[in-house]
Structures are given as C-alpha cells and as structure tokens.
Amino acid sequence: METRYSAPTIAELLVEHNKTHQQPPRGEILTFCSLLPNCGIYNPTAPFLHDGKLYSAARVDMPGSEEAVTQFFSPNGSPTEWHHDSNMPTLPWQDPFTASIGNVRYFGGIRIYEEPRSGEITDWDTVVRIVQDPTELHEDKPPDIVGPRHMKGIRPLGIDGELAGLFTRPIDDRYPRGKVGFLAVKSNVEITADDLANAPIIDGFIAHEAGEWGGVTGAHDLGENKILALMHLARYAVDGASKEYFGGLMLLSRHADRVRVVAQKIVACRQCFPETPFKRPDVKEVVYLTDMSVKSGEVEAWGGLSDYTGGRIAVGDYLS
C-alpha cells in the first residue's frame, strides 16, 4: 500500500529552502521594453520558438491601473533584454501562459470584467486559444476553452503529443483557494466551464492553513506516469496585509485519470533575486514563477517579481 503524502505548510517547506538559499541572489533580472510608456512588464512565459525567432509573452500593466494587456517580446542582442515585437498580437489578457502540445500551441490568459462606469474589476475567467501559429491570435475568434468565473490557474498538460488534462484552481464555497484540481481529458472532446469547476481535487497540494494559497502555473510530462509541475505558493505576511509569494516544484504520479502528489519543494523566494522597483508596497515580496523550460533534467523557471518586472532562475534537477 502506497504511503499517502502529507501536505506541508509553507512554513515547513521554507525550512528546507532556507537551508540551501544562496547569497548573493542567483536569479537574473529580465528587462522587457514596450512602446507603452511607464508600464510594469512581468509574469513572462518561458521562451518559445516561432518562425526561427525566440519569443516570450508577458503581462504589460498600464501605469497606476489594473488594466493590462499581453504583448510578445524577443531578445535584443542580450539574453536578459527583450523588446516588444509590433508584428505580433497584443491580447486583452492578464498573466499569459502557453504550452506546445503536438503540432499546436495553447495560449491563455486572464480575461477581466469591469464595471462600465467605475472601471472596477468585478470578475474574471481564464480563456485559452489553440493555434498552429501565434500570429493567428490576431484574429478575433472566440476562445477554444473558457474557465469558470473567478478561476485562475488553469494550465494544460500534454502527454505524447496530445492534451491529457488541465490543472485547475477552484475558488468557491466548497474549496478554499489553496486547492488544486486536475481534469483528465481526451482529444477532440469539448471542455466546458462546468467540467473545469468539478475537476477532482489533488490531495496533498499544501495544507489547509489559514491565509495560505497557491496553484499550478506550468506542467511537464517526465514520462513513466510522472509529471513535474511548477507552482506558486502564497501567504499573508505578519502585518496581515502584505503578500509573500514563493515559487515551487511539485512531482506528481499519474494513475489512470487521477494524479497524486509525491513531493514538493520551494525553489525561489523574493530574496533569490536582486532588488527591483515594485508595483505597490504590499507586493514587494512577490516572486510568481509562471513557466519553466526543462532540458536534460535541469529546470529553468521564469516569472514575475514584485508585480513589476521579470526574472529567471535555474532551480536544479527536478526535486532532488
């Protein structure tokens, strides 16, 4: 009989992280440049290749506002400096994500709903387009997948060139926001918001500790029914108002249509990166790992820092 994984708290995971935390910071700052003035640009995707050129999609915030778009950036002669490519689409989404599965690419982000008069954000959902070429996103077409209202953290998982499932992050009366679900799917089957809302919950993600939450931000098939997931973990600071975000890795095993947690660890805190400007004082201690590249067992994670700029960090070989 398999031993059931005991969900840890963020404090417990930090004990191990602090043993290996390095000084000076080993993470790199990434500079994203847009023609839009005075904007924060953060939460970039890991680079992907299109038409022989590397691209990263990132969130671009309008100054002094929660209004944001997604733009595409490419390197400008330096591996840490990325410039907006005006030939690529600008999308009305926050917090973009992408995954290559088979011969198509999934692009998604958060669609915001605002009160018309005040501009106040009243709701949101996750939308996903499936395209063969990112320039197809120029076309004004409806999303291929739409999540339930108020749900972020929907991420696709590809196995053997096919969409095998989607991670979810339900927030409703049934679940606290620290829960993560996984919906196993079959190709060519329509995925509805109700399907995503009722995805089975993954036991052992993090302990149900008051003031702690998290979600999956990327997933990679390791083969042999093993999945590596990138995750964000968050809690309120001791002042009760500021937020602390951490980046982590989670190893999962897949059994038929269910997945279970095998191991988790925190791989990045804000102190793993140099200091930068921040969007607001309450998000100064935020590192939100958004995507990863996995090559020869080594993981490089990309993400947003202090809701203002981007960064990347080598986080080692899986969960060893």
C-alpha atoms as a PDB file:
ATOM      1  CA  MET A   1       0.000   0.000   0.000  1.00  0.00           C
ATOM      2  CA  GLU A   2       1.372   3.410  -1.027  1.00  0.00           C
ATOM      3  CA  THR A   3       2.220   5.919   1.670  1.00  0.00           C
ATOM      4  CA  ARG A   4      -0.033   8.951   1.410  1.00  0.00           C
ATOM      5  CA  TYR A   5       1.811  12.230   1.017  1.00  0.00           C
ATOM      6  CA  SER A   6       1.221  14.585   3.938  1.00  0.00           C
ATOM      7  CA  ALA A   7       0.516  18.121   2.734  1.00  0.00           C
ATOM      8  CA  PRO A   8       3.013  20.597   4.206  1.00  0.00           C
ATOM      9  CA  THR A   9       2.531  24.217   5.191  1.00  0.00           C
ATOM     10  CA  ILE A  10       4.537  26.959   3.503  1.00  0.00           C
ATOM     11  CA  ALA A  11       6.479  27.434   6.752  1.00  0.00           C
ATOM     12  CA  GLU A  12       7.514  23.764   6.686  1.00  0.00           C
ATOM     13  CA  LEU A  13       8.632  23.984   3.052  1.00  0.00           C
ATOM     14  CA  LEU A  14      10.604  27.153   3.824  1.00  0.00           C
ATOM     15  CA  VAL A  15      12.694  25.348   6.442  1.00  0.00           C
ATOM     16  CA  GLU A  16      14.283  23.221   3.709  1.00  0.00           C
ATOM     17  CA  HIS A  17      14.521  26.114   1.244  1.00  0.00           C
ATOM     18  CA  ASN A  18      16.329  28.324   3.743  1.00  0.00           C
ATOM     19  CA  LYS A  19      18.998  25.657   4.199  1.00  0.00           C
ATOM     20  CA  THR A  20      20.021  25.984   0.549  1.00  0.00           C
ATOM     21  CA  HIS A  21      19.136  29.637  -0.108  1.00  0.00           C
ATOM     22  CA  GLN A  22      22.196  31.284  -1.629  1.00  0.00           C
ATOM     23  CA  GLN A  23      23.708  34.717  -1.217  1.00  0.00           C
ATOM     24  CA  PRO A  24      24.207  36.728  -3.326  1.00  0.00           C
ATOM     25  CA  PRO A  25      20.943  36.146  -5.215  1.00  0.00           C
ATOM     26  CA  ARG A  26      21.337  33.682  -8.076  1.00  0.00           C
ATOM     27  CA  GLY A  27      18.262  34.749 -10.043  1.00  0.00           C
ATOM     28  CA  GLU A  28      18.548  37.111 -13.015  1.00  0.00           C
ATOM     29  CA  ILE A  29      16.511  40.222 -13.763  1.00  0.00           C
ATOM     30  CA  LEU A  30      14.954  40.367 -17.233  1.00  0.00           C
ATOM     31  CA  THR A  31      14.262  43.732 -18.845  1.00  0.00           C
ATOM     32  CA  PHE A  32      11.191  43.960 -21.085  1.00  0.00           C
ATOM     33  CA  CYS A  33      10.776  47.080 -23.211  1.00  0.00           C
ATOM     34  CA  SER A  34       7.455  48.219 -24.695  1.00  0.00           C
ATOM     35  CA  LEU A  35       6.364  51.290 -26.633  1.00  0.00           C
ATOM     36  CA  LEU A  36       3.720  51.793 -23.948  1.00  0.00           C
ATOM     37  CA  PRO A  37       5.205  54.354 -21.510  1.00  0.00           C
ATOM     38  CA  ASN A  38       5.897  53.839 -17.797  1.00  0.00           C
ATOM     39  CA  CYS A  39       4.400  50.367 -17.585  1.00  0.00           C
ATOM     40  CA  GLY A  40       5.296  47.393 -15.452  1.00  0.00           C
ATOM     41  CA  ILE A  41       6.054  44.279 -17.512  1.00  0.00           C
ATOM     42  CA  TYR A  42       6.125  40.970 -15.678  1.00  0.00           C
ATOM     43  CA  ASN A  43       4.913  37.358 -15.479  1.00  0.00           C
ATOM     44  CA  PRO A  44       6.654  36.292 -18.712  1.00  0.00           C
ATOM     45  CA  THR A  45       6.337  32.881 -20.309  1.00  0.00           C
ATOM     46  CA  ALA A  46       9.409  30.756 -20.908  1.00  0.00           C
ATOM     47  CA  PRO A  47      10.787  31.403 -24.408  1.00  0.00           C
ATOM     48  CA  PHE A  48       9.282  29.573 -27.354  1.00  0.00           C
ATOM     49  CA  LEU A  49      10.400  29.429 -30.973  1.00  0.00           C
ATOM     50  CA  HIS A  50       8.311  30.942 -33.747  1.00  0.00           C
ATOM     51  CA  ASP A  51       9.496  31.361 -37.332  1.00  0.00           C
ATOM     52  CA  GLY A  52      13.117  30.890 -36.254  1.00  0.00           C
ATOM     53  CA  LYS A  53      12.923  33.522 -33.513  1.00  0.00           C
ATOM     54  CA  LEU A  54      12.579  33.292 -29.735  1.00  0.00           C
ATOM     55  CA  TYR A  55       9.591  34.926 -28.079  1.00  0.00           C
ATOM     56  CA  SER A  56       8.226  35.415 -24.583  1.00  0.00           C
ATOM     57  CA  ALA A  57       4.723  36.681 -23.839  1.00  0.00           C
ATOM     58  CA  ALA A  58       4.373  38.935 -20.784  1.00  0.00           C
ATOM     59  CA  ARG A  59       1.819  40.963 -18.878  1.00  0.00           C
ATOM     60  CA  VAL A  60       2.018  44.726 -19.514  1.00  0.00           C
ATOM     61  CA  ASP A  61       0.335  46.922 -16.877  1.00  0.00           C
ATOM     62  CA  MET A  62      -0.907  50.397 -17.601  1.00  0.00           C
ATOM     63  CA  PRO A  63       0.525  52.970 -15.146  1.00  0.00           C
ATOM     64  CA  GLY A  64      -1.440  53.300 -11.915  1.00  0.00           C
ATOM     65  CA  SER A  65      -4.077  50.810 -13.030  1.00  0.00           C
ATOM     66  CA  GLU A  66      -5.036  47.126 -13.044  1.00  0.00           C
ATOM     67  CA  GLU A  67      -5.704  47.459 -16.768  1.00  0.00           C
ATOM     68  CA  ALA A  68      -3.284  45.189 -18.589  1.00  0.00           C
ATOM     69  CA  VAL A  69      -2.570  43.531 -21.933  1.00  0.00           C
ATOM     70  CA  THR A  70      -0.347  40.698 -23.117  1.00  0.00           C
ATOM     71  CA  GLN A  71       2.422  41.521 -25.570  1.00  0.00           C
ATOM     72  CA  PHE A  72       5.148  39.440 -27.233  1.00  0.00           C
ATOM     73  CA  PHE A  73       8.842  40.168 -26.788  1.00  0.00           C
ATOM     74  CA  SER A  74      12.041  38.908 -28.422  1.00  0.00           C
ATOM     75  CA  PRO A  75      15.710  39.223 -27.384  1.00  0.00           C
ATOM     76  CA  ASN A  76      17.512  42.366 -28.450  1.00  0.00           C
ATOM     77  CA  GLY A  77      21.125  41.268 -28.626  1.00  0.00           C
ATOM     78  CA  SER A  78      21.238  40.432 -24.916  1.00  0.00           C
ATOM     79  CA  PRO A  79      19.807  37.318 -23.236  1.00  0.00           C
ATOM     80  CA  THR A  80      18.328  39.484 -20.470  1.00  0.00           C
ATOM     81  CA  GLU A  81      16.854  42.297 -22.597  1.00  0.00           C
ATOM     82  CA  TRP A  82      13.638  41.692 -24.526  1.00  0.00           C
ATOM     83  CA  HIS A  83      11.870  44.163 -26.825  1.00  0.00           C
ATOM     84  CA  HIS A  84       8.246  44.265 -27.919  1.00  0.00           C
ATOM     85  CA  ASP A  85       7.646  42.891 -31.419  1.00  0.00           C
ATOM     86  CA  SER A  86       4.940  45.029 -33.034  1.00  0.00           C
ATOM     87  CA  ASN A  87       4.296  42.353 -35.664  1.00  0.00           C
ATOM     88  CA  MET A  88       2.922  40.034 -33.007  1.00  0.00           C
ATOM     89  CA  PRO A  89      -0.572  40.310 -31.487  1.00  0.00           C
ATOM     90  CA  THR A  90      -1.477  42.379 -28.447  1.00  0.00           C
ATOM     91  CA  LEU A  91      -4.045  40.454 -26.418  1.00  0.00           C
ATOM     92  CA  PRO A  92      -6.556  41.818 -23.856  1.00  0.00           C
ATOM     93  CA  TRP A  93      -5.410  39.337 -21.205  1.00  0.00           C
ATOM     94  CA  GLN A  94      -3.517  39.383 -17.944  1.00  0.00           C
ATOM     95  CA  ASP A  95      -0.928  36.775 -16.922  1.00  0.00           C
ATOM     96  CA  PRO A  96      -0.319  34.861 -20.177  1.00  0.00           C
ATOM     97  CA  PHE A  97       0.644  31.194 -20.396  1.00  0.00           C
ATOM     98  CA  THR A  98       1.494  28.882 -23.256  1.00  0.00           C
ATOM     99  CA  ALA A  99       2.217  25.220 -23.961  1.00  0.00           C
ATOM    100  CA  SER A 100       3.237  23.341 -27.083  1.00  0.00           C
ATOM    101  CA  ILE A 101       1.289  20.087 -27.451  1.00  0.00           C
ATOM    102  CA  GLY A 102       1.644  18.064 -30.634  1.00  0.00           C
ATOM    103  CA  ASN A 103       1.546  20.371 -33.650  1.00  0.00           C
ATOM    104  CA  VAL A 104      -0.437  23.140 -31.922  1.00  0.00           C
ATOM    105  CA  ARG A 105       0.258  25.706 -29.257  1.00  0.00           C
ATOM    106  CA  TYR A 106      -2.057  26.660 -26.409  1.00  0.00           C
ATOM    107  CA  PHE A 107      -2.128  30.335 -25.446  1.00  0.00           C
ATOM    108  CA  GLY A 108      -4.144  31.535 -22.495  1.00  0.00           C
ATOM    109  CA  GLY A 109      -4.603  34.342 -20.030  1.00  0.00           C
ATOM    110  CA  ILE A 110      -6.992  36.004 -17.624  1.00  0.00           C
ATOM    111  CA  ARG A 111      -9.936  37.914 -19.087  1.00  0.00           C
ATOM    112  CA  ILE A 112     -11.141  40.741 -16.863  1.00  0.00           C
ATOM    113  CA  TYR A 113     -14.693  42.044 -16.435  1.00  0.00           C
ATOM    114  CA  GLU A 114     -15.106  45.652 -15.322  1.00  0.00           C
ATOM    115  CA  GLU A 115     -17.950  47.792 -14.053  1.00  0.00           C
ATOM    116  CA  PRO A 116     -18.523  50.137 -17.015  1.00  0.00           C
ATOM    117  CA  ARG A 117     -18.804  53.383 -15.080  1.00  0.00           C
ATOM    118  CA  SER A 118     -16.132  52.988 -12.412  1.00  0.00           C
ATOM    119  CA  GLY A 119     -13.772  50.632 -14.244  1.00  0.00           C
ATOM    120  CA  GLU A 120     -13.667  48.478 -11.106  1.00  0.00           C
ATOM    121  CA  ILE A 121     -12.830  44.816 -11.727  1.00  0.00           C
ATOM    122  CA  THR A 122     -15.893  42.753 -10.882  1.00  0.00           C
ATOM    123  CA  ASP A 123     -14.934  39.291 -12.135  1.00  0.00           C
ATOM    124  CA  TRP A 124     -12.556  37.287 -14.318  1.00  0.00           C
ATOM    125  CA  ASP A 125     -12.133  33.985 -16.095  1.00  0.00           C
ATOM    126  CA  THR A 126      -9.399  32.073 -17.900  1.00  0.00           C
ATOM    127  CA  VAL A 127      -9.517  31.844 -21.684  1.00  0.00           C
ATOM    128  CA  VAL A 128      -7.454  29.598 -23.974  1.00  0.00           C
ATOM    129  CA  ARG A 129      -6.876  29.724 -27.717  1.00  0.00           C
ATOM    130  CA  ILE A 130      -5.434  26.749 -29.631  1.00  0.00           C
ATOM    131  CA  VAL A 131      -3.450  27.758 -32.719  1.00  0.00           C
ATOM    132  CA  GLN A 132      -0.758  26.447 -35.019  1.00  0.00           C
ATOM    133  CA  ASP A 133       0.864  29.857 -35.335  1.00  0.00           C
ATOM    134  CA  PRO A 134       0.791  32.643 -32.703  1.00  0.00           C
ATOM    135  CA  THR A 135       0.050  35.239 -35.392  1.00  0.00           C
ATOM    136  CA  GLU A 136      -3.396  33.573 -35.652  1.00  0.00           C
ATOM    137  CA  LEU A 137      -4.138  35.288 -32.341  1.00  0.00           C
ATOM    138  CA  HIS A 138      -4.562  38.490 -34.371  1.00  0.00           C
ATOM    139  CA  GLU A 139      -7.898  37.029 -35.492  1.00  0.00           C
ATOM    140  CA  ASP A 140     -10.869  37.978 -33.347  1.00  0.00           C
ATOM    141  CA  LYS A 141     -12.159  34.489 -32.650  1.00  0.00           C
ATOM    142  CA  PRO A 142     -13.867  33.098 -29.536  1.00  0.00           C
ATOM    143  CA  PRO A 143     -11.681  31.130 -27.100  1.00  0.00           C
ATOM    144  CA  ASP A 144     -11.445  27.364 -27.504  1.00  0.00           C
ATOM    145  CA  ILE A 145     -11.625  26.867 -23.723  1.00  0.00           C
ATOM    146  CA  VAL A 146     -13.289  29.160 -21.172  1.00  0.00           C
ATOM    147  CA  GLY A 147     -12.944  28.505 -17.470  1.00  0.00           C
ATOM    148  CA  PRO A 148     -15.492  29.176 -14.742  1.00  0.00           C
ATOM    149  CA  ARG A 149     -15.861  32.712 -13.478  1.00  0.00           C
ATOM    150  CA  HIS A 150     -13.388  33.599 -10.747  1.00  0.00           C
ATOM    151  CA  MET A 151     -10.977  30.749 -11.602  1.00  0.00           C
ATOM    152  CA  LYS A 152      -7.321  31.316 -12.412  1.00  0.00           C
ATOM    153  CA  GLY A 153      -4.614  28.651 -12.507  1.00  0.00           C
ATOM    154  CA  ILE A 154      -5.918  26.630 -15.477  1.00  0.00           C
ATOM    155  CA  ARG A 155      -2.925  25.031 -17.187  1.00  0.00           C
ATOM    156  CA  PRO A 156      -2.792  22.362 -19.932  1.00  0.00           C
ATOM    157  CA  LEU A 157      -0.739  19.165 -19.713  1.00  0.00           C
ATOM    158  CA  GLY A 158       0.424  17.431 -22.860  1.00  0.00           C
ATOM    159  CA  ILE A 159       1.453  13.764 -22.956  1.00  0.00           C
ATOM    160  CA  ASP A 160       2.675  12.008 -26.111  1.00  0.00           C
ATOM    161  CA  GLY A 161       1.625  14.938 -28.289  1.00  0.00           C
ATOM    162  CA  GLU A 162      -1.964  15.063 -27.044  1.00  0.00           C
ATOM    163  CA  LEU A 163      -3.798  17.150 -24.465  1.00  0.00           C
ATOM    164  CA  ALA A 164      -4.048  14.826 -21.464  1.00  0.00           C
ATOM    165  CA  GLY A 165      -5.513  17.138 -18.850  1.00  0.00           C
ATOM    166  CA  LEU A 166      -5.811  20.564 -17.296  1.00  0.00           C
ATOM    167  CA  PHE A 167      -4.858  21.727 -13.839  1.00  0.00           C
ATOM    168  CA  THR A 168      -7.424  23.964 -12.139  1.00  0.00           C
ATOM    169  CA  ARG A 169      -7.675  26.217  -9.087  1.00  0.00           C
ATOM    170  CA  PRO A 170     -11.248  26.243  -7.785  1.00  0.00           C
ATOM    171  CA  ILE A 171     -12.435  29.058  -5.561  1.00  0.00           C
ATOM    172  CA  ASP A 172     -15.979  28.619  -4.313  1.00  0.00           C
ATOM    173  CA  ASP A 173     -17.955  27.646  -1.239  1.00  0.00           C
ATOM    174  CA  ARG A 174     -16.697  24.060  -1.431  1.00  0.00           C
ATOM    175  CA  TYR A 175     -12.985  24.738  -1.516  1.00  0.00           C
ATOM    176  CA  PRO A 176     -10.567  27.230  -0.017  1.00  0.00           C
ATOM    177  CA  ARG A 177      -8.378  28.904  -2.614  1.00  0.00           C
ATOM    178  CA  GLY A 178      -5.383  26.737  -1.757  1.00  0.00           C
ATOM    179  CA  LYS A 179      -6.852  23.721  -3.563  1.00  0.00           C
ATOM    180  CA  VAL A 180      -5.729  22.462  -6.988  1.00  0.00           C
ATOM    181  CA  GLY A 181      -7.678  20.141  -9.265  1.00  0.00           C
ATOM    182  CA  PHE A 182      -6.833  18.021 -12.302  1.00  0.00           C
ATOM    183  CA  LEU A 183      -9.252  17.275 -15.126  1.00  0.00           C
ATOM    184  CA  ALA A 184      -8.206  14.336 -17.307  1.00  0.00           C
ATOM    185  CA  VAL A 185      -9.397  14.847 -20.873  1.00  0.00           C
ATOM    186  CA  LYS A 186      -9.412  13.069 -24.197  1.00  0.00           C
ATOM    187  CA  SER A 187      -8.596  14.712 -27.511  1.00  0.00           C
ATOM    188  CA  ASN A 188     -11.422  16.241 -29.557  1.00  0.00           C
ATOM    189  CA  VAL A 189     -13.764  16.335 -26.557  1.00  0.00           C
ATOM    190  CA  GLU A 190     -15.272  19.723 -25.713  1.00  0.00           C
ATOM    191  CA  ILE A 191     -14.112  21.075 -22.359  1.00  0.00           C
ATOM    192  CA  THR A 192     -16.723  23.138 -20.529  1.00  0.00           C
ATOM    193  CA  ALA A 193     -16.530  25.529 -17.607  1.00  0.00           C
ATOM    194  CA  ASP A 194     -18.579  23.044 -15.570  1.00  0.00           C
ATOM    195  CA  ASP A 195     -16.051  20.307 -16.326  1.00  0.00           C
ATOM    196  CA  LEU A 196     -13.248  22.506 -15.025  1.00  0.00           C
ATOM    197  CA  ALA A 197     -15.242  23.623 -11.985  1.00  0.00           C
ATOM    198  CA  ASN A 198     -15.803  19.998 -10.980  1.00  0.00           C
ATOM    199  CA  ALA A 199     -12.319  18.635 -11.672  1.00  0.00           C
ATOM    200  CA  PRO A 200     -11.188  16.164  -8.980  1.00  0.00           C
ATOM    201  CA  ILE A 201      -9.116  17.797  -6.243  1.00  0.00           C
ATOM    202  CA  ILE A 202      -5.467  16.750  -5.856  1.00  0.00           C
ATOM    203  CA  ASP A 203      -4.826  15.642  -2.295  1.00  0.00           C
ATOM    204  CA  GLY A 204      -1.637  16.855  -0.629  1.00  0.00           C
ATOM    205  CA  PHE A 205      -1.050  20.091  -2.548  1.00  0.00           C
ATOM    206  CA  ILE A 206      -0.487  22.274   0.522  1.00  0.00           C
ATOM    207  CA  ALA A 207      -2.006  22.097   3.968  1.00  0.00           C
ATOM    208  CA  HIS A 208      -5.238  23.993   4.526  1.00  0.00           C
ATOM    209  CA  GLU A 209      -3.532  26.639   6.609  1.00  0.00           C
ATOM    210  CA  ALA A 210      -5.412  29.891   7.182  1.00  0.00           C
ATOM    211  CA  GLY A 211      -4.045  32.629   4.943  1.00  0.00           C
ATOM    212  CA  GLU A 212      -2.138  30.285   2.591  1.00  0.00           C
ATOM    213  CA  TRP A 213      -2.956  29.537  -1.031  1.00  0.00           C
ATOM    214  CA  GLY A 214      -1.343  28.524  -4.304  1.00  0.00           C
ATOM    215  CA  GLY A 215      -1.738  26.995  -7.738  1.00  0.00           C
ATOM    216  CA  VAL A 216      -0.042  25.249 -10.647  1.00  0.00           C
ATOM    217  CA  THR A 217       1.482  27.558 -13.273  1.00  0.00           C
ATOM    218  CA  GLY A 218       3.050  25.022 -15.630  1.00  0.00           C
ATOM    219  CA  ALA A 219       3.321  21.276 -16.164  1.00  0.00           C
ATOM    220  CA  HIS A 220       5.809  18.992 -17.912  1.00  0.00           C
ATOM    221  CA  ASP A 221       5.469  15.288 -18.678  1.00  0.00           C
ATOM    222  CA  LEU A 222       8.515  13.366 -17.425  1.00  0.00           C
ATOM    223  CA  GLY A 223       7.369  10.019 -18.805  1.00  0.00           C
ATOM    224  CA  GLU A 224       6.671   6.824 -16.863  1.00  0.00           C
ATOM    225  CA  ASN A 225       3.491   8.412 -15.420  1.00  0.00           C
ATOM    226  CA  LYS A 226       5.412  11.204 -13.710  1.00  0.00           C
ATOM    227  CA  ILE A 227       4.549  14.887 -14.028  1.00  0.00           C
ATOM    228  CA  LEU A 228       6.595  17.890 -12.946  1.00  0.00           C
ATOM    229  CA  ALA A 229       4.508  20.925 -12.019  1.00  0.00           C
ATOM    230  CA  LEU A 230       5.650  24.467 -11.399  1.00  0.00           C
ATOM    231  CA  MET A 231       3.640  26.120  -8.649  1.00  0.00           C
ATOM    232  CA  HIS A 232       3.179  29.343  -6.774  1.00  0.00           C
ATOM    233  CA  LEU A 233       2.629  29.362  -3.032  1.00  0.00           C
ATOM    234  CA  ALA A 234       1.466  32.444  -1.162  1.00  0.00           C
ATOM    235  CA  ARG A 235       0.562  33.722   2.278  1.00  0.00           C
ATOM    236  CA  TYR A 236      -0.044  36.965   4.087  1.00  0.00           C
ATOM    237  CA  ALA A 237       2.922  38.499   5.874  1.00  0.00           C
ATOM    238  CA  VAL A 238       2.876  39.120   9.606  1.00  0.00           C
ATOM    239  CA  ASP A 239       1.332  42.566   9.037  1.00  0.00           C
ATOM    240  CA  GLY A 240      -1.776  40.818   7.678  1.00  0.00           C
ATOM    241  CA  ALA A 241      -1.856  42.984   4.555  1.00  0.00           C
ATOM    242  CA  SER A 242       1.324  42.407   2.544  1.00  0.00           C
ATOM    243  CA  LYS A 243       1.689  39.232   0.495  1.00  0.00           C
ATOM    244  CA  GLU A 244       4.600  36.817   0.260  1.00  0.00           C
ATOM    245  CA  TYR A 245       4.785  34.632  -2.838  1.00  0.00           C
ATOM    246  CA  PHE A 246       7.166  31.721  -3.384  1.00  0.00           C
ATOM    247  CA  GLY A 247       7.941  29.541  -6.392  1.00  0.00           C
ATOM    248  CA  GLY A 248       7.968  25.778  -6.089  1.00  0.00           C
ATOM    249  CA  LEU A 249       8.190  22.452  -7.869  1.00  0.00           C
ATOM    250  CA  MET A 250       5.851  19.524  -7.347  1.00  0.00           C
ATOM    251  CA  LEU A 251       6.334  15.943  -8.511  1.00  0.00           C
ATOM    252  CA  LEU A 252       3.130  14.060  -9.266  1.00  0.00           C
ATOM    253  CA  SER A 253       2.366  10.497 -10.274  1.00  0.00           C
ATOM    254  CA  ARG A 254      -0.459   9.694 -12.681  1.00  0.00           C
ATOM    255  CA  HIS A 255      -2.786   6.742 -12.187  1.00  0.00           C
ATOM    256  CA  ALA A 256      -5.467   6.444 -14.884  1.00  0.00           C
ATOM    257  CA  ASP A 257      -7.392   9.734 -14.676  1.00  0.00           C
ATOM    258  CA  ARG A 258      -6.075  10.833 -11.276  1.00  0.00           C
ATOM    259  CA  VAL A 259      -2.812  12.372 -10.128  1.00  0.00           C
ATOM    260  CA  ARG A 260      -1.304  12.403  -6.648  1.00  0.00           C
ATOM    261  CA  VAL A 261       1.479  14.397  -5.031  1.00  0.00           C
ATOM    262  CA  VAL A 262       4.802  12.639  -4.498  1.00  0.00           C
ATOM    263  CA  ALA A 263       6.977  15.548  -3.348  1.00  0.00           C
ATOM    264  CA  GLN A 264       7.082  19.354  -3.185  1.00  0.00           C
ATOM    265  CA  LYS A 265       9.714  21.975  -2.505  1.00  0.00           C
ATOM    266  CA  ILE A 266      10.122  25.731  -2.610  1.00  0.00           C
ATOM    267  CA  VAL A 267      12.793  26.706  -5.140  1.00  0.00           C
ATOM    268  CA  ALA A 268      12.601  30.513  -5.121  1.00  0.00           C
ATOM    269  CA  CYS A 269      11.760  33.349  -2.744  1.00  0.00           C
ATOM    270  CA  ARG A 270      11.986  37.069  -3.464  1.00  0.00           C
ATOM    271  CA  GLN A 271      15.430  37.201  -1.845  1.00  0.00           C
ATOM    272  CA  CYS A 272      16.678  34.800  -4.543  1.00  0.00           C
ATOM    273  CA  PHE A 273      16.613  37.787  -6.929  1.00  0.00           C
ATOM    274  CA  PRO A 274      18.175  41.255  -6.818  1.00  0.00           C
ATOM    275  CA  GLU A 275      16.003  44.126  -5.619  1.00  0.00           C
ATOM    276  CA  THR A 276      13.836  45.915  -8.198  1.00  0.00           C
ATOM    277  CA  PRO A 277      11.096  48.523  -8.194  1.00  0.00           C
ATOM    278  CA  PHE A 278       7.711  47.219  -7.074  1.00  0.00           C
ATOM    279  CA  LYS A 279       4.131  47.882  -8.158  1.00  0.00           C
ATOM    280  CA  ARG A 280       2.894  48.550  -4.604  1.00  0.00           C
ATOM    281  CA  PRO A 281       4.464  48.068  -1.178  1.00  0.00           C
ATOM    282  CA  ASP A 282       2.161  45.109  -0.409  1.00  0.00           C
ATOM    283  CA  VAL A 283       3.581  43.063  -3.350  1.00  0.00           C
ATOM    284  CA  LYS A 284       7.259  43.850  -2.806  1.00  0.00           C
ATOM    285  CA  GLU A 285       7.915  40.283  -1.581  1.00  0.00           C
ATOM    286  CA  VAL A 286       6.230  38.543  -4.522  1.00  0.00           C
ATOM    287  CA  VAL A 287       8.003  36.088  -6.811  1.00  0.00           C
ATOM    288  CA  TYR A 288       5.444  34.470  -9.098  1.00  0.00           C
ATOM    289  CA  LEU A 289       7.036  31.709 -11.168  1.00  0.00           C
ATOM    290  CA  THR A 290       4.931  31.457 -14.307  1.00  0.00           C
ATOM    291  CA  ASP A 291       6.653  28.987 -16.629  1.00  0.00           C
ATOM    292  CA  MET A 292       9.625  26.667 -16.956  1.00  0.00           C
ATOM    293  CA  SER A 293      11.884  25.037 -19.510  1.00  0.00           C
ATOM    294  CA  VAL A 294      13.138  21.522 -18.804  1.00  0.00           C
ATOM    295  CA  LYS A 295      16.277  20.318 -20.586  1.00  0.00           C
ATOM    296  CA  SER A 296      18.342  17.245 -19.696  1.00  0.00           C
ATOM    297  CA  GLY A 297      16.798  17.163 -16.242  1.00  0.00           C
ATOM    298  CA  GLU A 298      17.623  20.799 -15.491  1.00  0.00           C
ATOM    299  CA  VAL A 299      14.811  23.271 -14.801  1.00  0.00           C
ATOM    300  CA  GLU A 300      14.927  26.979 -15.562  1.00  0.00           C
ATOM    301  CA  ALA A 301      11.955  28.931 -14.230  1.00  0.00           C
ATOM    302  CA  TRP A 302      10.657  32.280 -15.455  1.00  0.00           C
ATOM    303  CA  GLY A 303       8.378  34.601 -13.546  1.00  0.00           C
ATOM    304  CA  GLY A 304       7.339  37.984 -12.275  1.00  0.00           C
ATOM    305  CA  LEU A 305       8.988  39.945  -9.469  1.00  0.00           C
ATOM    306  CA  SER A 306       7.120  42.379  -7.212  1.00  0.00           C
ATOM    307  CA  ASP A 307       4.380  42.673  -9.872  1.00  0.00           C
ATOM    308  CA  TYR A 308       6.697  44.940 -11.835  1.00  0.00           C
ATOM    309  CA  THR A 309       9.469  43.167 -13.736  1.00  0.00           C
ATOM    310  CA  GLY A 310      10.553  39.724 -14.918  1.00  0.00           C
ATOM    311  CA  GLY A 311      13.183  37.270 -13.780  1.00  0.00           C
ATOM    312  CA  ARG A 312      14.514  33.789 -14.346  1.00  0.00           C
ATOM    313  CA  ILE A 313      16.343  31.318 -12.190  1.00  0.00           C
ATOM    314  CA  ALA A 314      17.969  27.904 -12.575  1.00  0.00           C
ATOM    315  CA  VAL A 315      16.380  25.669  -9.972  1.00  0.00           C
ATOM    316  CA  GLY A 316      18.295  22.409 -10.438  1.00  0.00           C
ATOM    317  CA  ASP A 317      17.236  18.921 -11.378  1.00  0.00           C
ATOM    318  CA  TYR A 318      13.613  18.264 -10.568  1.00  0.00           C
ATOM    319  CA  LEU A 319      13.132  17.593  -6.869  1.00  0.00           C
ATOM    320  CA  SER A 320      16.493  16.181  -5.805  1.00  0.00           C
END
